[in-house]
N, C-alpha and C. Protein backbone atom coordinates (compact mmCIF):
# COMPACT_ATOMS: atom_id res chain seq x y z
N MET A 1 -28.57 19.02 30.44
CA MET A 1 -28.94 17.95 30.12
C MET A 1 -29.62 18.16 28.95
N LYS A 2 -29.97 19.24 28.26
CA LYS A 2 -30.50 19.19 26.86
C LYS A 2 -29.07 19.05 25.91
N TYR A 3 -28.19 19.37 26.51
CA TYR A 3 -26.72 19.06 25.59
C TYR A 3 -25.92 17.36 25.50
N LEU A 4 -26.72 16.61 26.59
CA LEU A 4 -26.17 15.39 26.58
C LEU A 4 -26.69 14.59 25.45
N GLY A 5 -27.59 14.52 24.96
CA GLY A 5 -27.85 13.77 23.38
C GLY A 5 -26.78 14.15 22.31
N LEU A 6 -26.55 15.37 22.22
CA LEU A 6 -25.69 15.86 21.27
C LEU A 6 -24.20 15.46 21.47
N LEU A 7 -23.96 15.50 22.86
CA LEU A 7 -22.37 15.15 23.52
C LEU A 7 -22.56 13.68 22.88
N SER A 8 -23.35 12.75 23.05
CA SER A 8 -23.46 11.20 22.86
C SER A 8 -23.28 10.99 21.32
N ILE A 9 -23.69 11.75 20.32
CA ILE A 9 -23.58 11.85 18.93
C ILE A 9 -22.04 12.17 18.75
N ILE A 10 -21.66 13.34 19.38
CA ILE A 10 -20.43 13.65 18.97
C ILE A 10 -19.52 12.76 19.05
N LEU A 11 -19.41 11.81 20.46
CA LEU A 11 -18.77 10.85 20.82
C LEU A 11 -18.80 9.69 19.84
N LEU A 12 -19.81 9.28 19.75
CA LEU A 12 -20.09 8.16 18.54
C LEU A 12 -19.68 8.52 17.35
N ALA A 13 -19.92 9.57 16.88
CA ALA A 13 -19.22 10.02 15.40
C ALA A 13 -17.63 9.84 15.56
N GLY A 14 -16.96 10.17 16.84
CA GLY A 14 -15.41 9.88 16.66
C GLY A 14 -15.13 8.52 16.92
N CYS A 15 -15.93 7.61 17.20
CA CYS A 15 -15.50 6.15 17.21
C CYS A 15 -15.52 5.52 15.96
N GLN A 16 -14.72 4.86 15.34
CA GLN A 16 -14.48 4.28 14.26
C GLN A 16 -13.73 2.89 14.72
N SER A 17 -14.29 1.92 14.15
CA SER A 17 -13.56 0.57 14.23
C SER A 17 -12.17 0.52 13.46
N THR A 18 -11.41 -0.40 13.77
CA THR A 18 -10.21 -0.30 13.21
C THR A 18 -10.10 -1.48 12.04
N PRO A 19 -9.90 -1.26 11.08
CA PRO A 19 -10.34 -2.23 9.83
C PRO A 19 -9.05 -3.38 10.38
N THR A 20 -9.89 -4.48 9.66
CA THR A 20 -9.01 -5.66 9.99
C THR A 20 -7.75 -5.55 8.75
N PHE A 21 -6.87 -6.77 8.78
CA PHE A 21 -5.91 -6.77 7.63
C PHE A 21 -6.37 -7.10 6.40
N CYS A 22 -7.17 -7.57 6.28
CA CYS A 22 -7.85 -7.99 5.09
C CYS A 22 -8.83 -6.67 4.54
N GLU A 23 -9.32 -5.95 5.24
CA GLU A 23 -9.98 -4.79 4.69
C GLU A 23 -8.97 -3.91 4.23
N LYS A 24 -7.66 -4.09 4.78
CA LYS A 24 -6.68 -3.24 4.28
C LYS A 24 -5.93 -3.80 3.35
N GLU A 25 -5.74 -5.27 3.05
CA GLU A 25 -4.86 -5.51 2.49
C GLU A 25 -5.53 -6.98 1.83
N PRO A 26 -6.69 -6.53 1.18
CA PRO A 26 -7.48 -7.73 0.58
C PRO A 26 -6.84 -8.79 -0.48
N ASP A 27 -5.62 -8.57 -1.08
CA ASP A 27 -5.14 -9.51 -2.14
C ASP A 27 -4.05 -10.38 -1.29
N SER A 28 -3.72 -9.96 0.18
CA SER A 28 -2.82 -10.77 0.74
C SER A 28 -3.30 -12.32 0.62
N ASP A 29 -2.21 -13.21 0.68
CA ASP A 29 -2.48 -14.71 0.74
C ASP A 29 -3.42 -15.01 2.06
N LEU A 30 -3.08 -14.19 3.16
CA LEU A 30 -3.43 -14.23 4.20
C LEU A 30 -5.05 -14.04 4.18
N CYS A 31 -5.54 -13.54 3.07
CA CYS A 31 -7.23 -13.34 3.42
C CYS A 31 -7.71 -14.16 2.07
N ASN A 32 -6.85 -15.01 1.56
CA ASN A 32 -7.38 -16.01 0.45
C ASN A 32 -8.25 -17.24 1.30
N GLN A 33 -9.07 -17.06 1.45
CA GLN A 33 -9.58 -18.48 2.00
C GLN A 33 -9.36 -20.05 1.45
N LYS A 34 -9.13 -19.71 -0.16
CA LYS A 34 -9.05 -21.03 -0.47
C LYS A 34 -7.82 -21.48 -0.46
N THR A 35 -6.58 -20.76 0.02
CA THR A 35 -5.42 -21.31 0.49
C THR A 35 -5.02 -21.57 1.82
N TYR A 36 -6.36 -21.69 2.83
CA TYR A 36 -6.13 -22.01 4.13
C TYR A 36 -6.25 -23.24 4.18
N GLN A 37 -5.41 -23.78 5.22
CA GLN A 37 -5.26 -25.41 5.45
C GLN A 37 -6.84 -25.83 6.19
N TYR A 38 -6.95 -26.89 5.91
CA TYR A 38 -8.40 -27.57 6.38
C TYR A 38 -8.81 -27.24 7.72
N GLY A 39 -7.75 -27.20 8.50
CA GLY A 39 -8.02 -27.09 10.17
C GLY A 39 -8.55 -25.53 10.29
N THR A 40 -7.73 -24.59 9.42
CA THR A 40 -8.14 -23.07 9.55
C THR A 40 -9.59 -23.13 9.07
N ASP A 41 -9.70 -23.70 8.03
CA ASP A 41 -11.04 -23.66 7.40
C ASP A 41 -12.46 -23.91 8.04
N GLN A 42 -12.21 -24.78 9.12
CA GLN A 42 -13.03 -25.49 9.61
C GLN A 42 -13.31 -24.60 10.82
N ALA A 43 -12.28 -24.17 11.31
CA ALA A 43 -12.36 -23.18 12.49
C ALA A 43 -13.10 -22.00 12.16
N LEU A 44 -12.65 -21.35 10.84
CA LEU A 44 -13.32 -20.32 10.26
C LEU A 44 -14.85 -20.48 10.15
N LYS A 45 -15.39 -21.65 9.41
CA LYS A 45 -16.40 -21.65 9.48
C LYS A 45 -17.32 -22.11 10.85
N GLU A 46 -16.81 -22.51 11.75
CA GLU A 46 -17.14 -22.39 13.02
C GLU A 46 -17.52 -21.11 13.75
N PHE A 47 -16.38 -20.35 13.22
CA PHE A 47 -16.27 -18.77 14.11
C PHE A 47 -17.50 -18.03 13.21
N GLU A 48 -17.84 -18.36 12.13
CA GLU A 48 -18.79 -17.48 11.44
C GLU A 48 -20.26 -17.64 12.14
N THR A 49 -20.33 -18.88 12.89
CA THR A 49 -21.59 -18.85 13.42
C THR A 49 -22.03 -18.28 14.68
N LYS A 50 -20.56 -17.81 15.37
CA LYS A 50 -20.74 -16.90 16.86
C LYS A 50 -21.56 -15.84 16.43
N LYS A 51 -22.06 -15.19 17.47
CA LYS A 51 -23.07 -14.37 17.69
C LYS A 51 -22.58 -12.90 17.54
N SER A 52 -21.77 -12.27 18.49
CA SER A 52 -21.41 -11.17 18.49
C SER A 52 -19.84 -10.93 19.46
N ASN A 53 -19.34 -9.60 19.14
CA ASN A 53 -18.03 -9.30 19.93
C ASN A 53 -17.03 -10.34 19.67
N LYS A 54 -16.83 -10.75 18.32
CA LYS A 54 -15.96 -11.70 17.91
C LYS A 54 -14.85 -11.26 17.14
N ALA A 55 -13.72 -12.00 17.10
CA ALA A 55 -12.70 -11.91 16.16
C ALA A 55 -11.93 -13.09 15.75
N PHE A 56 -10.87 -12.91 14.59
CA PHE A 56 -10.35 -14.26 14.11
C PHE A 56 -9.05 -13.72 13.79
N ALA A 57 -8.01 -14.05 14.11
CA ALA A 57 -6.72 -13.75 13.64
C ALA A 57 -6.21 -15.04 12.86
N LEU A 58 -5.13 -14.82 12.13
CA LEU A 58 -4.43 -15.66 11.27
C LEU A 58 -3.19 -15.44 10.92
N GLY A 59 -2.16 -16.26 11.18
CA GLY A 59 -0.73 -16.18 11.12
C GLY A 59 0.11 -17.56 10.06
N GLN A 60 0.50 -17.01 9.53
CA GLN A 60 1.48 -18.24 8.47
C GLN A 60 2.86 -17.66 8.64
N THR A 61 3.85 -18.83 9.19
CA THR A 61 4.77 -18.81 9.21
C THR A 61 6.02 -18.96 7.63
N SER A 62 6.88 -18.67 8.15
CA SER A 62 7.99 -18.79 6.72
C SER A 62 8.21 -20.13 6.35
N ASP A 63 7.99 -21.45 7.45
CA ASP A 63 8.13 -22.68 6.80
C ASP A 63 6.79 -23.39 6.53
N GLY A 64 6.08 -22.34 6.34
CA GLY A 64 4.75 -22.74 5.58
C GLY A 64 3.36 -23.12 6.99
N TRP A 65 3.74 -23.23 7.87
CA TRP A 65 2.67 -23.79 9.00
C TRP A 65 1.78 -22.46 9.08
N GLU A 66 0.41 -22.80 9.58
CA GLU A 66 -0.60 -21.84 9.78
C GLU A 66 -0.96 -21.99 10.90
N PHE A 67 -1.78 -20.81 11.70
CA PHE A 67 -1.95 -20.77 12.92
C PHE A 67 -3.14 -19.85 13.19
N TYR A 68 -4.01 -20.21 13.83
CA TYR A 68 -5.29 -19.27 14.18
C TYR A 68 -5.56 -19.21 15.62
N GLY A 69 -6.31 -18.19 16.23
CA GLY A 69 -7.03 -17.80 17.06
C GLY A 69 -8.23 -16.86 16.77
N TYR A 70 -9.14 -17.35 17.80
CA TYR A 70 -10.20 -16.59 17.75
C TYR A 70 -11.11 -16.60 19.00
N SER A 71 -11.88 -15.34 19.17
CA SER A 71 -12.57 -15.43 20.38
C SER A 71 -13.94 -14.71 20.31
N GLU A 72 -14.94 -15.04 21.22
CA GLU A 72 -16.08 -14.49 20.90
C GLU A 72 -16.83 -14.35 22.21
N GLY A 73 -17.94 -13.26 22.17
CA GLY A 73 -18.62 -13.23 23.63
C GLY A 73 -18.19 -11.85 24.53
N TYR A 74 -17.10 -11.32 24.21
CA TYR A 74 -16.54 -10.68 24.75
C TYR A 74 -17.39 -9.20 25.18
N SER A 75 -16.88 -8.32 26.04
CA SER A 75 -17.86 -7.40 26.22
C SER A 75 -17.81 -6.06 25.07
N SER A 76 -16.44 -6.19 24.41
CA SER A 76 -16.25 -5.21 23.44
C SER A 76 -15.42 -6.04 22.25
N THR A 77 -15.74 -5.50 21.17
CA THR A 77 -15.10 -5.96 20.00
C THR A 77 -13.57 -5.84 20.33
N HIS A 78 -13.18 -4.85 20.73
CA HIS A 78 -11.78 -4.52 21.21
C HIS A 78 -11.11 -5.59 21.93
N LYS A 79 -11.66 -5.85 22.84
CA LYS A 79 -11.31 -7.09 23.81
C LYS A 79 -11.16 -8.21 23.08
N ALA A 80 -12.25 -8.58 22.20
CA ALA A 80 -12.20 -9.93 21.24
C ALA A 80 -10.89 -10.01 20.32
N LYS A 81 -10.84 -9.11 20.02
CA LYS A 81 -9.73 -8.76 18.77
C LYS A 81 -8.41 -9.26 19.69
N LYS A 82 -8.33 -8.49 20.82
CA LYS A 82 -6.81 -8.68 21.36
C LYS A 82 -6.69 -9.79 21.89
N GLU A 83 -7.53 -10.37 22.57
CA GLU A 83 -7.98 -11.96 22.54
C GLU A 83 -7.50 -13.13 21.67
N ALA A 84 -8.05 -12.51 20.59
CA ALA A 84 -7.77 -13.35 19.25
C ALA A 84 -6.31 -13.32 18.75
N LEU A 85 -5.78 -11.97 18.56
CA LEU A 85 -4.35 -11.88 18.42
C LEU A 85 -3.50 -12.55 19.40
N ALA A 86 -3.81 -12.64 20.76
CA ALA A 86 -2.84 -13.28 21.83
C ALA A 86 -2.68 -14.43 21.38
N GLN A 87 -4.16 -15.38 21.29
CA GLN A 87 -4.12 -16.77 21.17
C GLN A 87 -3.35 -17.08 19.91
N CYS A 88 -3.54 -16.40 18.77
CA CYS A 88 -2.67 -16.80 17.64
C CYS A 88 -1.46 -16.62 17.82
N GLN A 89 -0.83 -15.56 18.31
CA GLN A 89 0.70 -15.21 18.52
C GLN A 89 1.29 -16.23 19.23
N LYS A 90 0.37 -16.50 20.48
CA LYS A 90 1.16 -17.66 21.37
C LYS A 90 1.43 -18.82 20.60
N ARG A 91 0.38 -19.41 19.61
CA ARG A 91 0.45 -20.83 19.07
C ARG A 91 1.92 -20.48 17.86
N VAL A 92 2.13 -19.52 17.47
CA VAL A 92 2.92 -19.22 16.58
C VAL A 92 4.42 -18.94 16.88
N ASP A 93 4.38 -18.45 18.24
CA ASP A 93 5.60 -18.33 18.94
C ASP A 93 6.25 -19.85 19.58
N LYS A 94 5.21 -20.53 19.99
CA LYS A 94 5.49 -21.94 20.44
C LYS A 94 6.02 -22.75 19.47
N HIS A 95 5.55 -22.81 18.10
CA HIS A 95 6.02 -23.46 17.13
C HIS A 95 7.52 -22.92 16.81
N GLY A 96 7.99 -21.78 17.09
CA GLY A 96 9.47 -21.51 17.00
C GLY A 96 9.84 -20.96 15.89
N THR A 97 8.63 -20.55 15.14
CA THR A 97 9.25 -19.69 13.72
C THR A 97 8.98 -18.82 13.62
N ASP A 98 9.58 -17.89 12.87
CA ASP A 98 8.66 -16.51 12.69
C ASP A 98 7.61 -16.45 11.96
N GLY A 99 7.15 -15.78 12.50
CA GLY A 99 5.39 -15.37 11.94
C GLY A 99 4.59 -14.47 12.85
N LYS A 100 3.73 -13.69 12.27
CA LYS A 100 2.82 -12.58 12.80
C LYS A 100 1.59 -13.03 12.40
N CYS A 101 0.80 -12.79 13.44
CA CYS A 101 -0.48 -13.01 13.61
C CYS A 101 -1.24 -11.70 13.14
N GLU A 102 -2.39 -11.51 12.06
CA GLU A 102 -3.33 -10.42 11.74
C GLU A 102 -4.59 -10.87 12.11
N LEU A 103 -5.26 -9.72 12.27
CA LEU A 103 -6.53 -10.15 12.34
C LEU A 103 -7.60 -10.21 10.79
N ILE A 104 -8.24 -11.09 10.91
CA ILE A 104 -8.64 -11.16 9.37
C ILE A 104 -10.19 -11.06 9.30
N ARG A 105 -10.73 -11.21 10.86
CA ARG A 105 -12.32 -11.15 10.83
C ARG A 105 -12.39 -10.45 12.09
C-alpha cells in the first residue's frame, strides 16, 4: 500500500496528451481562424463555451469547402477527439471530394 501513491505518480507522469494539429503546425491555413467560413467560425465560438472533455476537428477540401465536427461531455478527452474526427470526416466523405479532418482544438 505504501507504494500505491508512487505508482500513481509514475503512471500519470507517463500520460501525455496528443498535441492537436494546430499545436504541431501553427502556421497552417487550417489553424488560421481569420480564414474560416462563417458557419465554422460560429461553431467554433459555440464550442469554446463548452465545459470539459471536448474536441473540435476541421477539414478543408481541394475544392474549397470546409467541414467541421465537435464533441463535448465525453468521459475522456480521447473519446471526444475520436468523435469529433469521426463527425468531421463523415461530412467530408459525404461531400465526395478529397479532404482530411484534423483536430484543431
